[in-house]
Amino acid sequence: MFDEDGSLDPLLKFLLYSVLTLAIGKMLWEWFTEDVSRWITVDLWGLITGHPWWTAVIVAGGLLMFLMLGLLVSFVSDASAYVGPRDTFVAPDASVGPDVLAYRMKELSSMSATGFEQACSDLLARDGFLSPRRVGGAGDLGVDVMARDSDNRLLIVQCKQYQSPVGSGHVQKFNGTARPHHGADLPIMIALNGFTRPAIDFAQHHRLILVGRPELKQWAHGQHLYDVLKITSTAL
């Protein structure tokens, strides 16, 4: 009935909305055909034909008020959109807290590969990591995101948005560049749909940090990455 993010199943949601829409539509149709149509064809028409001058005055006044309201709204919108040379943008309220950014798993699944990498970079920024930036692209040699923690340790992160678990071959390639080429203190590989058993065994043997689907879900939903991975300031 509910998916892993706690949302109602889309098919069930569609059926419930359909039943609700039909019920509301039936009620509105009965009300319109029985009450509203009689009021328009009998009561209102009788009032108009009985008092034509008052009707004209009321209609003209309504149109004038509508025109003035439109001009007022247009003026306020233009004034609020203008940014003068001395105007500045106010930073978000710091009281909101560092956990304001969160993603649902279906959002991460629907992103492009570049968007997924940027989301991981943004989550690192949310957690207070220093200078996180997305560097993935052609010739990146296994690094998609870089950042440093409060102990000045270098995080080299590779992000895999594959629809199936990441295999051992990808993890081996990452191991060949993360520390030797990039000098990673914490080599981290993130996989939207987890890792195969051989990939996990290889990573454990070479002290690579894997973030599978369960860990990614906790991190994306608001937990600090180090809390999810149980890393402390003295780890590794």
Protein backbone atom coordinates (compact mmCIF):
# COMPACT_ATOMS: atom_id res chain seq x y z
CA MET A 1 0.00 0.00 0.00
CA PHE A 2 2.87 2.39 0.86
CA ASP A 3 6.27 2.70 -0.86
CA GLU A 4 9.60 2.92 0.97
CA ASP A 5 9.28 6.69 1.40
CA GLY A 6 5.93 6.31 3.15
CA SER A 7 3.91 7.51 0.16
CA LEU A 8 0.65 5.92 -0.89
CA ASP A 9 0.95 3.51 -3.82
CA PRO A 10 0.36 5.52 -7.05
CA LEU A 11 -2.29 3.11 -8.40
CA LEU A 12 -4.23 3.13 -5.13
CA LYS A 13 -3.89 6.90 -4.95
CA PHE A 14 -5.30 7.20 -8.50
CA LEU A 15 -8.29 4.98 -7.65
CA LEU A 16 -9.08 6.92 -4.49
CA TYR A 17 -8.85 10.25 -6.30
CA SER A 18 -11.06 8.91 -9.10
CA VAL A 19 -13.80 7.80 -6.68
CA LEU A 20 -13.60 11.11 -4.82
CA THR A 21 -13.75 13.09 -8.08
CA LEU A 22 -16.79 11.17 -9.30
CA ALA A 23 -18.63 11.68 -6.01
CA ILE A 24 -17.92 15.42 -5.94
CA GLY A 25 -18.85 15.73 -9.62
CA LYS A 26 -22.20 14.00 -9.04
CA MET A 27 -23.00 16.30 -6.12
CA LEU A 28 -22.08 19.42 -8.10
CA TRP A 29 -24.10 18.30 -11.12
CA GLU A 30 -27.23 17.70 -9.04
CA TRP A 31 -26.80 21.03 -7.27
CA PHE A 32 -26.26 22.91 -10.55
CA THR A 33 -29.11 21.31 -12.50
CA GLU A 34 -31.66 21.63 -9.70
CA ASP A 35 -30.82 24.76 -7.70
CA VAL A 36 -28.46 26.96 -9.72
CA SER A 37 -30.27 26.63 -13.04
CA ARG A 38 -33.59 27.56 -11.42
CA TRP A 39 -32.00 30.56 -9.68
CA ILE A 40 -30.49 31.78 -13.00
CA THR A 41 -33.52 31.17 -15.24
CA VAL A 42 -36.21 32.30 -12.81
CA ASP A 43 -35.01 34.42 -9.89
CA LEU A 44 -32.07 36.29 -11.42
CA TRP A 45 -33.71 36.85 -14.80
CA GLY A 46 -36.79 38.18 -13.08
CA LEU A 47 -34.70 40.61 -11.05
CA ILE A 48 -32.86 41.85 -14.17
CA THR A 49 -36.02 42.40 -16.24
CA GLY A 50 -37.74 44.10 -13.31
CA HIS A 51 -34.91 46.54 -12.53
CA PRO A 52 -32.87 47.09 -15.75
CA TRP A 53 -31.28 50.42 -14.68
CA TRP A 54 -30.09 49.13 -11.30
CA THR A 55 -28.72 46.06 -13.05
CA ALA A 56 -26.70 48.23 -15.46
CA VAL A 57 -25.28 50.31 -12.60
CA ILE A 58 -24.23 47.21 -10.62
CA VAL A 59 -22.57 45.60 -13.65
CA ALA A 60 -20.70 48.79 -14.55
CA GLY A 61 -19.51 49.21 -10.95
CA GLY A 62 -18.33 45.60 -10.82
CA LEU A 63 -16.35 45.97 -14.03
CA LEU A 64 -14.73 49.17 -12.76
CA MET A 65 -13.72 47.54 -9.45
CA PHE A 66 -12.31 44.52 -11.33
CA LEU A 67 -10.24 46.82 -13.56
CA MET A 68 -8.87 48.78 -10.58
CA LEU A 69 -7.99 45.56 -8.74
CA GLY A 70 -6.09 44.30 -11.79
CA LEU A 71 -4.09 47.52 -12.04
CA LEU A 72 -3.28 47.36 -8.32
CA VAL A 73 -2.07 43.75 -8.52
CA SER A 74 0.08 44.58 -11.56
CA PHE A 75 1.65 47.55 -9.77
CA VAL A 76 2.44 45.54 -6.62
CA SER A 77 3.95 42.68 -8.65
CA ASP A 78 6.20 45.01 -10.62
CA ALA A 79 7.33 46.80 -7.47
CA SER A 80 8.20 43.57 -5.65
CA ALA A 81 10.10 42.17 -8.66
CA TYR A 82 12.36 45.21 -9.02
CA VAL A 83 15.85 44.94 -7.55
CA GLY A 84 17.68 48.22 -7.35
CA PRO A 85 21.42 48.73 -7.25
CA ARG A 86 21.47 48.82 -3.44
CA ASP A 87 19.13 45.90 -2.89
CA THR A 88 20.56 42.68 -1.48
CA PHE A 89 19.25 39.20 -1.15
CA VAL A 90 18.74 38.05 2.43
CA ALA A 91 20.21 34.69 3.33
CA PRO A 92 17.85 31.97 4.56
CA ASP A 93 17.04 32.02 8.27
CA ALA A 94 19.78 30.16 10.12
CA SER A 95 17.24 28.91 12.67
CA VAL A 96 15.89 26.50 10.07
CA GLY A 97 18.80 24.18 10.88
CA PRO A 98 21.25 22.13 8.80
CA ASP A 99 18.77 19.31 8.07
CA VAL A 100 16.43 21.39 5.92
CA LEU A 101 17.59 19.68 2.71
CA ALA A 102 16.18 16.21 2.12
CA TYR A 103 15.44 14.01 -0.87
CA ARG A 104 13.03 11.15 -1.31
CA MET A 105 14.35 8.04 -3.00
CA LYS A 106 11.98 8.46 -5.95
CA GLU A 107 13.41 11.96 -6.46
CA LEU A 108 16.95 10.61 -6.55
CA SER A 109 15.85 7.87 -8.96
CA SER A 110 14.29 10.35 -11.39
CA MET A 111 17.33 12.65 -11.56
CA SER A 112 19.88 12.67 -14.33
CA ALA A 113 23.31 11.27 -13.52
CA THR A 114 24.65 14.81 -13.17
CA GLY A 115 21.70 15.79 -10.98
CA PHE A 116 22.33 12.78 -8.73
CA GLU A 117 25.96 13.78 -8.30
CA GLN A 118 24.91 17.36 -7.49
CA ALA A 119 22.38 16.10 -4.95
CA CYS A 120 25.14 14.18 -3.16
CA SER A 121 27.28 17.32 -3.15
CA ASP A 122 24.39 19.34 -1.73
CA LEU A 123 23.82 16.77 1.02
CA LEU A 124 27.49 17.04 2.00
CA ALA A 125 27.08 20.81 2.19
CA ARG A 126 23.99 20.33 4.35
CA ASP A 127 26.03 18.21 6.75
CA GLY A 128 28.69 20.89 7.12
CA PHE A 129 31.46 19.41 5.00
CA LEU A 130 33.93 21.96 3.66
CA SER A 131 33.99 23.07 0.01
CA PRO A 132 31.95 20.22 -1.48
CA ARG A 133 31.89 20.38 -5.25
CA ARG A 134 30.84 18.19 -8.13
CA VAL A 135 33.74 17.41 -10.46
CA GLY A 136 32.38 14.39 -12.31
CA GLY A 137 32.62 14.25 -16.07
CA ALA A 138 34.79 12.90 -18.87
CA GLY A 139 38.23 12.00 -17.57
CA ASP A 140 37.30 12.41 -13.89
CA LEU A 141 39.27 9.25 -13.00
CA GLY A 142 36.67 7.98 -10.57
CA VAL A 143 35.80 11.14 -8.67
CA ASP A 144 32.36 12.72 -8.93
CA VAL A 145 32.33 14.82 -5.75
CA MET A 146 35.11 16.17 -3.52
CA ALA A 147 34.89 17.63 -0.01
CA ARG A 148 36.76 17.89 3.27
CA ASP A 149 35.50 17.24 6.77
CA SER A 150 36.18 19.26 9.92
CA ASP A 151 39.41 17.30 10.47
CA ASN A 152 40.57 18.35 6.96
CA ARG A 153 40.29 14.80 5.66
CA LEU A 154 39.67 14.55 1.92
CA LEU A 155 36.51 12.78 0.78
CA ILE A 156 36.60 11.36 -2.73
CA VAL A 157 33.10 10.30 -3.70
CA GLN A 158 31.91 8.32 -6.69
CA CYS A 159 28.14 8.27 -7.37
CA LYS A 160 26.42 5.42 -9.20
CA GLN A 161 22.76 5.88 -10.13
CA TYR A 162 22.48 2.45 -11.76
CA GLN A 163 19.16 0.60 -11.80
CA SER A 164 20.93 -2.59 -10.68
CA PRO A 165 23.51 -3.22 -7.93
CA VAL A 166 27.04 -2.05 -8.66
CA GLY A 167 29.43 -4.90 -9.35
CA SER A 168 32.94 -5.63 -8.17
CA GLY A 169 34.56 -4.30 -11.36
CA HIS A 170 33.40 -0.73 -10.72
CA VAL A 171 34.56 -0.90 -7.12
CA GLN A 172 37.97 -2.18 -8.20
CA LYS A 173 38.37 0.72 -10.65
CA PHE A 174 37.46 3.18 -7.92
CA ASN A 175 40.00 1.59 -5.60
CA GLY A 176 42.67 2.07 -8.26
CA THR A 177 42.28 5.88 -8.33
CA ALA A 178 40.67 7.07 -5.09
CA ARG A 179 43.78 6.85 -2.90
CA PRO A 180 46.68 6.43 -5.37
CA HIS A 181 45.66 9.23 -7.74
CA HIS A 182 43.39 11.56 -5.74
CA GLY A 183 44.91 11.04 -2.28
CA ALA A 184 41.59 10.25 -0.62
CA ASP A 185 41.48 9.93 3.14
CA LEU A 186 37.92 8.64 2.89
CA PRO A 187 37.09 6.94 -0.44
CA ILE A 188 33.29 6.72 -0.59
CA MET A 189 31.20 5.03 -3.24
CA ILE A 190 27.44 5.71 -3.35
CA ALA A 191 25.06 3.42 -5.22
CA LEU A 192 21.36 4.17 -5.59
CA ASN A 193 20.51 0.46 -5.76
CA GLY A 194 23.29 -1.03 -3.68
CA PHE A 195 26.20 -3.37 -4.40
CA THR A 196 26.72 -7.02 -5.23
CA ARG A 197 28.18 -9.35 -2.61
CA PRO A 198 31.60 -9.56 -4.37
CA ALA A 199 31.72 -5.74 -4.54
CA ILE A 200 31.02 -5.49 -0.80
CA ASP A 201 33.69 -8.10 0.02
CA PHE A 202 36.27 -6.31 -2.12
CA ALA A 203 35.46 -2.93 -0.54
CA GLN A 204 35.81 -4.33 2.97
CA HIS A 205 39.18 -5.84 2.13
CA HIS A 206 40.50 -2.53 0.72
CA ARG A 207 38.88 -0.24 3.30
CA LEU A 208 36.53 1.45 0.85
CA ILE A 209 33.37 3.02 2.24
CA LEU A 210 30.17 1.92 0.51
CA VAL A 211 26.86 3.75 0.77
CA GLY A 212 24.15 1.38 -0.41
CA ARG A 213 20.44 2.02 -0.75
CA PRO A 214 19.57 1.74 2.99
CA GLU A 215 22.38 4.11 3.97
CA LEU A 216 21.57 6.50 1.14
CA LYS A 217 17.93 6.62 2.23
CA GLN A 218 18.89 7.55 5.81
CA TRP A 219 21.32 10.19 4.59
CA ALA A 220 18.92 11.66 2.04
CA HIS A 221 16.14 11.81 4.63
CA GLY A 222 18.16 14.01 6.97
CA GLN A 223 20.74 12.04 8.96
CA HIS A 224 24.36 13.17 8.93
CA LEU A 225 26.51 11.02 6.66
CA TYR A 226 28.97 10.20 9.42
CA ASP A 227 26.12 9.14 11.73
CA VAL A 228 24.82 6.80 9.04
CA LEU A 229 28.28 5.34 8.43
CA LYS A 230 29.23 5.44 12.13
CA ILE A 231 32.39 7.41 11.39
CA THR A 232 33.91 9.51 14.16
CA SER A 233 36.64 12.14 14.11
CA THR A 234 39.22 9.45 14.92
CA ALA A 235 38.00 6.83 12.44
CA LEU A 236 40.16 5.62 9.59
